[in-house]
């Protein structure tokens, strides 16, 4: 990942958290709320290390949060089967969030960079061999809820295992305008980033 791209990712992460990064997955029985209004930008998170395509982030103080994240290296969009020349959206981002004090327990979410089709399924294909489904919120109200999809709880351990062994992943999702997007993520450095996350997030 080039330096300017990494800087953009850090800035985008901070902006999302500053705008109340509400990650609620009522369907799956989990709730994450990363409040921000009482925190200055410098207190929210710190990029600890970067391993090729994946970066490790931890919060500097409570509420304690830690995760690895990667932005898409390639994005495509299709409408009625026809490839679009360009679309107005941010880069897709995958987050693997580690549960504090729980070894090998993670939450997985996808930030689409646009409002997803309500209740739709986003499919992550790893090396065209393995597939994990992320679910968009069934009744979103907040902006963050509209732009995120979550992996099922029982799939999260499998997802992490697939990402460790894979080299490339493609996530296909559907927007509220029925546009199909395909985001490509490189998995180089994922295992090292996850190992570092385990050391920092205990």
Protein backbone atom coordinates (compact mmCIF):
# COMPACT_ATOMS: atom_id res chain seq x y z
CA UNK A 1 0.00 0.00 0.00
CA UNK A 2 1.41 3.36 -0.99
CA UNK A 3 1.99 5.99 1.70
CA UNK A 4 -0.68 8.38 0.42
CA UNK A 5 -3.24 5.55 0.22
CA UNK A 6 -2.44 4.49 3.77
CA UNK A 7 -2.80 8.08 4.97
CA UNK A 8 -6.19 8.28 3.27
CA UNK A 9 -7.30 5.09 5.00
CA UNK A 10 -6.26 6.37 8.42
CA UNK A 11 -8.04 9.67 7.78
CA UNK A 12 -11.20 7.89 6.60
CA UNK A 13 -11.18 5.66 9.68
CA UNK A 14 -10.92 8.66 11.97
CA UNK A 15 -13.72 10.47 10.15
CA UNK A 16 -15.99 7.45 10.39
CA UNK A 17 -15.32 7.15 14.11
CA UNK A 18 -15.78 10.88 14.65
CA UNK A 19 -19.22 10.65 13.03
CA UNK A 20 -20.31 8.04 15.57
CA UNK A 21 -19.17 4.79 14.00
CA UNK A 22 -22.28 2.80 14.93
CA UNK A 23 -21.82 -0.86 14.16
CA UNK A 24 -25.01 -2.55 15.29
CA UNK A 25 -25.85 -6.04 14.08
CA UNK A 26 -29.13 -6.78 15.76
CA UNK A 27 -29.68 -9.84 13.60
CA UNK A 28 -26.52 -11.45 14.90
CA UNK A 29 -26.91 -10.44 18.52
CA UNK A 30 -23.85 -8.18 18.68
CA UNK A 31 -23.54 -4.46 19.19
CA UNK A 32 -20.51 -2.25 18.74
CA UNK A 33 -20.69 1.45 19.42
CA UNK A 34 -17.56 3.44 18.89
CA UNK A 35 -18.56 6.80 20.33
CA UNK A 36 -16.64 9.82 19.24
CA UNK A 37 -18.16 13.13 20.23
CA UNK A 38 -16.30 13.18 23.56
CA UNK A 39 -12.98 12.25 21.97
CA UNK A 40 -10.51 14.39 20.16
CA UNK A 41 -9.13 13.07 16.91
CA UNK A 42 -5.76 12.38 18.50
CA UNK A 43 -7.36 10.10 21.13
CA UNK A 44 -9.38 7.87 18.84
CA UNK A 45 -7.01 5.41 17.28
CA UNK A 46 -3.43 4.85 16.37
CA UNK A 47 -2.03 2.87 13.49
CA UNK A 48 0.44 0.59 15.21
CA UNK A 49 1.94 -1.25 12.27
CA UNK A 50 1.33 -1.98 8.62
CA UNK A 51 1.93 -5.32 6.96
CA UNK A 52 1.71 -4.88 3.20
CA UNK A 53 -2.02 -4.60 2.49
CA UNK A 54 -3.23 -4.75 6.11
CA UNK A 55 -2.82 -2.31 8.98
CA UNK A 56 -3.23 -2.76 12.73
CA UNK A 57 -5.16 -0.15 14.73
CA UNK A 58 -5.76 0.29 18.46
CA UNK A 59 -7.49 2.99 20.45
CA UNK A 60 -5.23 4.99 22.75
CA UNK A 61 -7.66 4.92 25.66
CA UNK A 62 -11.15 3.78 26.61
CA UNK A 63 -13.33 2.69 24.93
CA UNK A 64 -10.66 0.14 24.02
CA UNK A 65 -10.95 -1.05 20.44
CA UNK A 66 -8.53 -2.88 18.20
CA UNK A 67 -8.76 -4.23 14.68
CA UNK A 68 -7.00 -4.87 11.39
CA UNK A 69 -8.26 -3.21 8.23
CA UNK A 70 -7.60 -3.14 4.51
CA UNK A 71 -9.02 -1.09 1.67
CA UNK A 72 -9.85 -2.47 -1.74
CA UNK A 73 -7.11 -2.30 -4.38
CA UNK A 74 -9.59 -2.51 -7.24
CA UNK A 75 -13.27 -1.58 -7.53
CA UNK A 76 -15.74 -2.34 -10.30
CA UNK A 77 -19.44 -1.54 -10.69
CA UNK A 78 -22.15 -3.03 -12.90
CA UNK A 79 -25.66 -1.92 -13.77
CA UNK A 80 -28.01 -4.30 -15.59
CA UNK A 81 -25.01 -6.45 -16.44
CA UNK A 82 -23.08 -3.57 -18.01
CA UNK A 83 -19.80 -2.40 -16.49
CA UNK A 84 -19.86 1.26 -15.45
CA UNK A 85 -16.94 3.50 -16.29
CA UNK A 86 -17.00 5.17 -12.86
CA UNK A 87 -19.04 5.41 -9.68
CA UNK A 88 -19.14 7.98 -6.88
CA UNK A 89 -18.15 6.12 -3.72
CA UNK A 90 -15.39 5.65 -1.18
CA UNK A 91 -13.16 2.61 -1.23
CA UNK A 92 -14.53 -0.55 0.30
CA UNK A 93 -12.90 -1.58 3.57
CA UNK A 94 -12.84 -4.86 5.49
CA UNK A 95 -12.45 -4.74 9.27
CA UNK A 96 -11.56 -7.69 11.48
CA UNK A 97 -12.20 -6.57 15.05
CA UNK A 98 -10.68 -8.51 17.93
CA UNK A 99 -12.70 -9.06 21.07
CA UNK A 100 -10.69 -7.93 24.08
CA UNK A 101 -9.56 -10.65 26.47
CA UNK A 102 -10.90 -13.37 24.17
CA UNK A 103 -8.30 -15.30 22.23
CA UNK A 104 -9.15 -15.98 18.59
CA UNK A 105 -12.55 -14.28 18.86
CA UNK A 106 -13.30 -11.72 16.15
CA UNK A 107 -16.06 -9.67 14.55
CA UNK A 108 -16.00 -9.00 10.81
CA UNK A 109 -17.61 -6.09 8.98
CA UNK A 110 -17.50 -4.57 5.50
CA UNK A 111 -17.74 -0.84 4.83
CA UNK A 112 -19.17 -0.37 1.34
CA UNK A 113 -18.69 3.37 0.89
CA UNK A 114 -22.32 3.75 -0.24
CA UNK A 115 -25.80 2.76 1.03
CA UNK A 116 -26.35 -0.96 0.55
CA UNK A 117 -29.61 -2.52 -0.54
CA UNK A 118 -31.60 -3.07 2.65
CA UNK A 119 -31.24 -6.61 3.97
CA UNK A 120 -29.09 -7.70 1.02
CA UNK A 121 -26.26 -10.22 1.04
CA UNK A 122 -22.69 -9.31 0.18
CA UNK A 123 -20.55 -12.27 -0.81
CA UNK A 124 -16.83 -12.48 -0.14
CA UNK A 125 -15.03 -14.97 -2.38
CA UNK A 126 -11.52 -16.00 -1.31
CA UNK A 127 -9.38 -17.27 -4.20
CA UNK A 128 -12.61 -18.42 -5.90
CA UNK A 129 -12.59 -21.42 -3.53
CA UNK A 130 -14.24 -20.25 -0.31
CA UNK A 131 -17.19 -17.94 0.26
CA UNK A 132 -18.49 -16.01 3.26
CA UNK A 133 -21.74 -14.02 3.26
CA UNK A 134 -22.03 -10.58 4.87
CA UNK A 135 -25.52 -9.26 5.63
CA UNK A 136 -26.68 -5.67 5.24
CA UNK A 137 -28.86 -4.24 8.00
CA UNK A 138 -32.55 -5.27 7.63
CA UNK A 139 -33.93 -1.93 8.84
CA UNK A 140 -31.18 0.71 8.87
CA UNK A 141 -31.74 4.16 10.30
CA UNK A 142 -28.26 5.59 10.83
CA UNK A 143 -25.94 6.34 7.91
CA UNK A 144 -23.37 3.88 9.24
CA UNK A 145 -25.95 1.10 9.39
CA UNK A 146 -26.83 1.69 5.73
CA UNK A 147 -23.21 1.46 4.56
CA UNK A 148 -22.04 -1.64 6.45
CA UNK A 149 -22.58 -5.38 6.23
CA UNK A 150 -21.68 -7.98 8.84
CA UNK A 151 -20.56 -11.59 8.79
CA UNK A 152 -22.62 -14.08 10.74
CA UNK A 153 -21.20 -14.95 14.14
CA UNK A 154 -20.76 -18.63 13.24
CA UNK A 155 -18.82 -17.69 10.07
CA UNK A 156 -16.27 -15.37 11.66
CA UNK A 157 -13.79 -18.05 12.72
CA UNK A 158 -13.97 -19.62 9.25
CA UNK A 159 -13.51 -16.21 7.62
CA UNK A 160 -10.32 -15.50 9.54
CA UNK A 161 -8.98 -18.95 8.63
CA UNK A 162 -9.76 -18.41 4.93
CA UNK A 163 -8.12 -14.97 4.91
CA UNK A 164 -4.97 -16.38 6.50
CA UNK A 165 -4.61 -19.01 3.80
CA UNK A 166 -5.75 -16.91 0.84
CA UNK A 167 -4.04 -14.51 -1.53
CA UNK A 168 -6.95 -12.49 -2.93
CA UNK A 169 -10.58 -11.85 -2.01
CA UNK A 170 -13.40 -10.28 -4.01
CA UNK A 171 -16.47 -8.89 -2.27
CA UNK A 172 -19.64 -8.47 -4.33
CA UNK A 173 -22.40 -6.25 -2.95
CA UNK A 174 -25.58 -4.51 -4.14
CA UNK A 175 -26.32 -0.83 -3.63
CA UNK A 176 -29.67 0.78 -2.82
CA UNK A 177 -29.79 1.73 -6.50
CA UNK A 178 -29.35 -1.91 -7.53
CA UNK A 179 -25.79 -1.37 -8.72
CA UNK A 180 -23.53 -4.38 -8.23
CA UNK A 181 -20.04 -3.59 -6.96
CA UNK A 182 -17.00 -5.83 -6.82
CA UNK A 183 -14.14 -4.87 -4.51
CA UNK A 184 -10.83 -6.73 -4.70
CA UNK A 185 -8.71 -7.10 -1.57
CA UNK A 186 -5.18 -8.48 -1.41
CA UNK A 187 -4.48 -10.71 1.57
CA UNK A 188 -0.71 -10.26 1.72
CA UNK A 189 0.24 -9.43 5.29
CA UNK A 190 -3.07 -10.45 6.84
CA UNK A 191 -1.59 -13.25 8.98
CA UNK A 192 1.22 -11.02 10.27
CA UNK A 193 -1.21 -8.20 11.02
CA UNK A 194 -3.51 -10.55 12.92
CA UNK A 195 -0.58 -11.91 14.92
CA UNK A 196 0.43 -8.37 15.90
CA UNK A 197 -3.18 -7.59 16.79
CA UNK A 198 -3.18 -10.55 19.17
CA UNK A 199 -0.12 -9.19 20.94
CA UNK A 200 -1.52 -5.68 21.31
CA UNK A 201 -5.13 -6.52 22.11
CA UNK A 202 -5.09 -8.66 25.26
